[in-house]
Amino acid sequence: MTENFLDKAMANLTVRDDKIYHCGVCQRPYKNEGSCRNHIEATHQKELETTALILKEDEMKQYSVYHMNENPWLDRPLARLLSQDFESNYTLVALVSTDKGLDDVYQVTNHIDNEWWENPEVDWHKESRSTSINDLIVLAEGKCWRVARIGFEEVKII
């Protein structure tokens, strides 16, 4: 199950002109691909475990998708965004029912073959851009994930 995250991290691996491999998660440099893979497995174990737990979910669940009101690519302190002024920073754009986990929620709230709000899994609340980095996906039970550069990062809403 953790291979999905590892595959994504390895796919984002960059090799520079000097033949140095850079981690697909944190861009740390390594002399060869094997060393870089070992680093990803050792250093980014939490992301690997989180992804494995997410991928194990096989029952239908309801997720709320919140889009960041500001430009999601701007670097903003997450703690401030998740504080008391949450509603001024994020807007509920959709509810998604799926048994496939976060990757599916992300996919069906992106413009791929059609407008994302036309997807049958989506109960949309507001037309919006595609789900992107720094947007939030919240499980009905209260767990929350931020869309990261690669995969998802579990966060606590204050």
C-alpha atoms as a PDB file:
ATOM      1  CA  MET A   1       0.000   0.000   0.000  1.00  0.00           C
ATOM      2  CA  THR A   2       2.827   2.413   0.709  1.00  0.00           C
ATOM      3  CA  GLU A   3       4.107   1.940  -2.818  1.00  0.00           C
ATOM      4  CA  ASN A   4       1.626   4.564  -4.088  1.00  0.00           C
ATOM      5  CA  PHE A   5       3.314   7.350  -2.104  1.00  0.00           C
ATOM      6  CA  LEU A   6       6.786   5.985  -2.829  1.00  0.00           C
ATOM      7  CA  ASP A   7       5.992   5.752  -6.550  1.00  0.00           C
ATOM      8  CA  LYS A   8       4.777   9.372  -6.572  1.00  0.00           C
ATOM      9  CA  ALA A   9       7.866  10.541  -4.691  1.00  0.00           C
ATOM     10  CA  MET A  10      10.152   8.611  -7.044  1.00  0.00           C
ATOM     11  CA  ALA A  11       8.275   9.953 -10.077  1.00  0.00           C
ATOM     12  CA  ASN A  12       9.012  13.484  -8.826  1.00  0.00           C
ATOM     13  CA  LEU A  13      12.675  12.643  -8.352  1.00  0.00           C
ATOM     14  CA  THR A  14      14.845  15.069 -10.282  1.00  0.00           C
ATOM     15  CA  VAL A  15      18.285  14.437 -11.720  1.00  0.00           C
ATOM     16  CA  ARG A  16      20.314  17.549 -12.282  1.00  0.00           C
ATOM     17  CA  ASP A  17      23.117  18.032 -14.803  1.00  0.00           C
ATOM     18  CA  ASP A  18      25.660  17.064 -12.176  1.00  0.00           C
ATOM     19  CA  LYS A  19      24.000  13.598 -11.948  1.00  0.00           C
ATOM     20  CA  ILE A  20      22.763  14.303  -8.438  1.00  0.00           C
ATOM     21  CA  TYR A  21      19.354  12.813  -7.560  1.00  0.00           C
ATOM     22  CA  HIS A  22      16.983  15.035  -5.583  1.00  0.00           C
ATOM     23  CA  CYS A  23      14.267  13.600  -3.348  1.00  0.00           C
ATOM     24  CA  GLY A  24      10.803  13.980  -4.856  1.00  0.00           C
ATOM     25  CA  VAL A  25       9.444  15.117  -1.479  1.00  0.00           C
ATOM     26  CA  CYS A  26      12.026  17.466   0.056  1.00  0.00           C
ATOM     27  CA  GLN A  27      14.558  17.896  -2.792  1.00  0.00           C
ATOM     28  CA  ARG A  28      17.483  16.656  -0.658  1.00  0.00           C
ATOM     29  CA  PRO A  29      20.408  15.638  -2.950  1.00  0.00           C
ATOM     30  CA  TYR A  30      21.780  12.078  -3.291  1.00  0.00           C
ATOM     31  CA  LYS A  31      24.481  10.471  -5.444  1.00  0.00           C
ATOM     32  CA  ASN A  32      22.281   7.651  -6.746  1.00  0.00           C
ATOM     33  CA  GLU A  33      18.653   6.589  -7.074  1.00  0.00           C
ATOM     34  CA  GLY A  34      18.947   3.811  -4.461  1.00  0.00           C
ATOM     35  CA  SER A  35      20.185   6.213  -1.775  1.00  0.00           C
ATOM     36  CA  CYS A  36      17.370   8.594  -2.621  1.00  0.00           C
ATOM     37  CA  ARG A  37      14.774   5.772  -2.380  1.00  0.00           C
ATOM     38  CA  ASN A  38      16.193   4.723   1.018  1.00  0.00           C
ATOM     39  CA  HIS A  39      15.961   8.341   2.217  1.00  0.00           C
ATOM     40  CA  ILE A  40      12.314   8.597   1.127  1.00  0.00           C
ATOM     41  CA  GLU A  41      11.416   5.347   2.913  1.00  0.00           C
ATOM     42  CA  ALA A  42      13.282   6.301   6.105  1.00  0.00           C
ATOM     43  CA  THR A  43      12.660  10.041   6.365  1.00  0.00           C
ATOM     44  CA  HIS A  44       9.168  10.281   4.963  1.00  0.00           C
ATOM     45  CA  GLN A  45       7.814   7.188   6.766  1.00  0.00           C
ATOM     46  CA  LYS A  46       4.915   9.150   8.294  1.00  0.00           C
ATOM     47  CA  GLU A  47       3.662  10.132   4.833  1.00  0.00           C
ATOM     48  CA  LEU A  48       4.086   6.504   3.716  1.00  0.00           C
ATOM     49  CA  GLU A  49       2.075   5.231   6.702  1.00  0.00           C
ATOM     50  CA  THR A  50      -0.638   7.890   6.296  1.00  0.00           C
ATOM     51  CA  THR A  51      -0.991   7.008   2.624  1.00  0.00           C
ATOM     52  CA  ALA A  52      -1.204   3.306   3.492  1.00  0.00           C
ATOM     53  CA  LEU A  53      -3.985   3.959   6.021  1.00  0.00           C
ATOM     54  CA  ILE A  54      -5.874   6.100   3.536  1.00  0.00           C
ATOM     55  CA  LEU A  55      -5.598   3.459   0.822  1.00  0.00           C
ATOM     56  CA  LYS A  56      -6.946   0.743   3.172  1.00  0.00           C
ATOM     57  CA  GLU A  57     -10.263   2.497   3.519  1.00  0.00           C
ATOM     58  CA  ASP A  58     -12.762   0.514   1.517  1.00  0.00           C
ATOM     59  CA  GLU A  59     -16.120   1.611   2.897  1.00  0.00           C
ATOM     60  CA  MET A  60     -18.184   4.480   1.540  1.00  0.00           C
ATOM     61  CA  LYS A  61     -17.286   7.691   3.350  1.00  0.00           C
ATOM     62  CA  GLN A  62     -18.374  11.319   3.081  1.00  0.00           C
ATOM     63  CA  TYR A  63     -15.693  13.960   2.615  1.00  0.00           C
ATOM     64  CA  SER A  64     -16.058  17.746   2.662  1.00  0.00           C
ATOM     65  CA  VAL A  65     -13.770  19.650   0.303  1.00  0.00           C
ATOM     66  CA  TYR A  66     -12.711  23.173   1.266  1.00  0.00           C
ATOM     67  CA  HIS A  67     -10.852  25.445  -1.125  1.00  0.00           C
ATOM     68  CA  MET A  68      -8.509  28.103   0.152  1.00  0.00           C
ATOM     69  CA  ASN A  69      -9.941  31.557  -0.589  1.00  0.00           C
ATOM     70  CA  GLU A  70      -6.553  33.127  -1.321  1.00  0.00           C
ATOM     71  CA  ASN A  71      -4.153  31.917  -3.966  1.00  0.00           C
ATOM     72  CA  PRO A  72      -3.358  28.365  -2.746  1.00  0.00           C
ATOM     73  CA  TRP A  73       0.208  28.625  -4.035  1.00  0.00           C
ATOM     74  CA  LEU A  74       1.027  31.514  -1.685  1.00  0.00           C
ATOM     75  CA  ASP A  75       3.031  30.378   1.311  1.00  0.00           C
ATOM     76  CA  ARG A  76       0.786  30.953   4.342  1.00  0.00           C
ATOM     77  CA  PRO A  77       1.219  29.630   7.910  1.00  0.00           C
ATOM     78  CA  LEU A  78      -1.201  26.725   8.191  1.00  0.00           C
ATOM     79  CA  ALA A  79      -1.879  27.433  11.890  1.00  0.00           C
ATOM     80  CA  ARG A  80      -3.279  30.871  11.001  1.00  0.00           C
ATOM     81  CA  LEU A  81      -5.442  29.443   8.248  1.00  0.00           C
ATOM     82  CA  LEU A  82      -6.949  26.814  10.559  1.00  0.00           C
ATOM     83  CA  SER A  83      -7.630  29.135  13.487  1.00  0.00           C
ATOM     84  CA  GLN A  84     -10.850  30.916  14.484  1.00  0.00           C
ATOM     85  CA  ASP A  85     -11.081  32.678  11.129  1.00  0.00           C
ATOM     86  CA  PHE A  86     -11.278  29.344   9.277  1.00  0.00           C
ATOM     87  CA  GLU A  87     -14.387  30.396   7.337  1.00  0.00           C
ATOM     88  CA  SER A  88     -12.684  33.540   6.064  1.00  0.00           C
ATOM     89  CA  ASN A  89      -9.774  31.441   4.761  1.00  0.00           C
ATOM     90  CA  TYR A  90     -11.652  28.421   3.339  1.00  0.00           C
ATOM     91  CA  THR A  91     -14.928  27.833   1.485  1.00  0.00           C
ATOM     92  CA  LEU A  92     -16.869  24.564   1.383  1.00  0.00           C
ATOM     93  CA  VAL A  93     -17.110  23.703  -2.312  1.00  0.00           C
ATOM     94  CA  ALA A  94     -18.240  20.061  -2.316  1.00  0.00           C
ATOM     95  CA  LEU A  95     -19.247  16.913  -0.500  1.00  0.00           C
ATOM     96  CA  VAL A  96     -17.825  13.736  -2.015  1.00  0.00           C
ATOM     97  CA  SER A  97     -19.000  10.184  -1.324  1.00  0.00           C
ATOM     98  CA  THR A  98     -16.439   7.519  -2.142  1.00  0.00           C
ATOM     99  CA  ASP A  99     -15.003   4.237  -0.918  1.00  0.00           C
ATOM    100  CA  LYS A 100     -11.642   4.893  -2.591  1.00  0.00           C
ATOM    101  CA  GLY A 101     -10.118   7.447  -0.199  1.00  0.00           C
ATOM    102  CA  LEU A 102      -8.390  10.783  -0.600  1.00  0.00           C
ATOM    103  CA  ASP A 103      -6.876  10.173  -4.033  1.00  0.00           C
ATOM    104  CA  ASP A 104     -10.377   9.695  -5.428  1.00  0.00           C
ATOM    105  CA  VAL A 105     -11.711  12.812  -3.664  1.00  0.00           C
ATOM    106  CA  TYR A 106      -8.853  14.784  -5.189  1.00  0.00           C
ATOM    107  CA  GLN A 107      -9.414  13.335  -8.659  1.00  0.00           C
ATOM    108  CA  VAL A 108     -13.181  13.909  -8.804  1.00  0.00           C
ATOM    109  CA  THR A 109     -12.777  17.538  -7.689  1.00  0.00           C
ATOM    110  CA  ASN A 110     -10.426  18.318 -10.569  1.00  0.00           C
ATOM    111  CA  HIS A 111     -11.316  19.324 -14.116  1.00  0.00           C
ATOM    112  CA  ILE A 112     -10.154  16.268 -16.075  1.00  0.00           C
ATOM    113  CA  ASP A 113     -12.691  15.080 -18.663  1.00  0.00           C
ATOM    114  CA  ASN A 114     -15.413  17.526 -17.621  1.00  0.00           C
ATOM    115  CA  GLU A 115     -16.258  20.146 -14.997  1.00  0.00           C
ATOM    116  CA  TRP A 116     -15.561  18.477 -11.650  1.00  0.00           C
ATOM    117  CA  TRP A 117     -18.976  19.345 -10.208  1.00  0.00           C
ATOM    118  CA  GLU A 118     -20.566  17.186 -12.952  1.00  0.00           C
ATOM    119  CA  ASN A 119     -19.006  14.021 -11.488  1.00  0.00           C
ATOM    120  CA  PRO A 120     -21.643  11.714  -9.939  1.00  0.00           C
ATOM    121  CA  GLU A 121     -19.715  11.323  -6.650  1.00  0.00           C
ATOM    122  CA  VAL A 122     -19.816  15.070  -6.073  1.00  0.00           C
ATOM    123  CA  ASP A 123     -22.548  17.032  -4.320  1.00  0.00           C
ATOM    124  CA  TRP A 124     -21.243  20.488  -5.123  1.00  0.00           C
ATOM    125  CA  HIS A 125     -21.905  23.618  -3.149  1.00  0.00           C
ATOM    126  CA  LYS A 126     -20.015  26.167  -5.207  1.00  0.00           C
ATOM    127  CA  GLU A 127     -18.437  26.220  -8.645  1.00  0.00           C
ATOM    128  CA  SER A 128     -14.738  26.642  -8.132  1.00  0.00           C
ATOM    129  CA  ARG A 129     -11.317  25.866  -9.479  1.00  0.00           C
ATOM    130  CA  SER A 130      -9.899  22.355  -9.221  1.00  0.00           C
ATOM    131  CA  THR A 131      -8.737  21.136  -5.824  1.00  0.00           C
ATOM    132  CA  SER A 132      -5.105  22.091  -5.352  1.00  0.00           C
ATOM    133  CA  ILE A 133      -2.240  22.431  -2.902  1.00  0.00           C
ATOM    134  CA  ASN A 134      -3.258  23.795   0.543  1.00  0.00           C
ATOM    135  CA  ASP A 135      -6.935  22.929   0.048  1.00  0.00           C
ATOM    136  CA  LEU A 136      -8.522  20.753   2.746  1.00  0.00           C
ATOM    137  CA  ILE A 137     -10.352  17.439   2.638  1.00  0.00           C
ATOM    138  CA  VAL A 138     -12.297  16.680   5.809  1.00  0.00           C
ATOM    139  CA  LEU A 139     -13.754  13.292   6.679  1.00  0.00           C
ATOM    140  CA  ALA A 140     -17.174  13.345   8.338  1.00  0.00           C
ATOM    141  CA  GLU A 141     -15.612  11.830  11.497  1.00  0.00           C
ATOM    142  CA  GLY A 142     -13.435  14.948  11.834  1.00  0.00           C
ATOM    143  CA  LYS A 143     -10.078  13.914  10.365  1.00  0.00           C
ATOM    144  CA  CYS A 144      -8.612  16.553   8.086  1.00  0.00           C
ATOM    145  CA  TRP A 145      -5.952  16.481   5.388  1.00  0.00           C
ATOM    146  CA  ARG A 146      -4.215  19.291   3.546  1.00  0.00           C
ATOM    147  CA  VAL A 147      -3.392  18.699  -0.101  1.00  0.00           C
ATOM    148  CA  ALA A 148       0.413  18.680  -0.143  1.00  0.00           C
ATOM    149  CA  ARG A 149       2.870  18.941  -3.018  1.00  0.00           C
ATOM    150  CA  ILE A 150       2.840  15.148  -3.098  1.00  0.00           C
ATOM    151  CA  GLY A 151      -0.093  13.375  -1.495  1.00  0.00           C
ATOM    152  CA  PHE A 152      -1.797  14.585   1.662  1.00  0.00           C
ATOM    153  CA  GLU A 153      -0.726  15.775   5.105  1.00  0.00           C
ATOM    154  CA  GLU A 154      -2.992  15.115   8.083  1.00  0.00           C
ATOM    155  CA  VAL A 155      -3.694  18.314  10.025  1.00  0.00           C
ATOM    156  CA  LYS A 156      -5.733  19.270  13.077  1.00  0.00           C
ATOM    157  CA  ILE A 157      -8.326  21.980  12.755  1.00  0.00           C
ATOM    158  CA  ILE A 158      -8.063  24.247  15.782  1.00  0.00           C
END
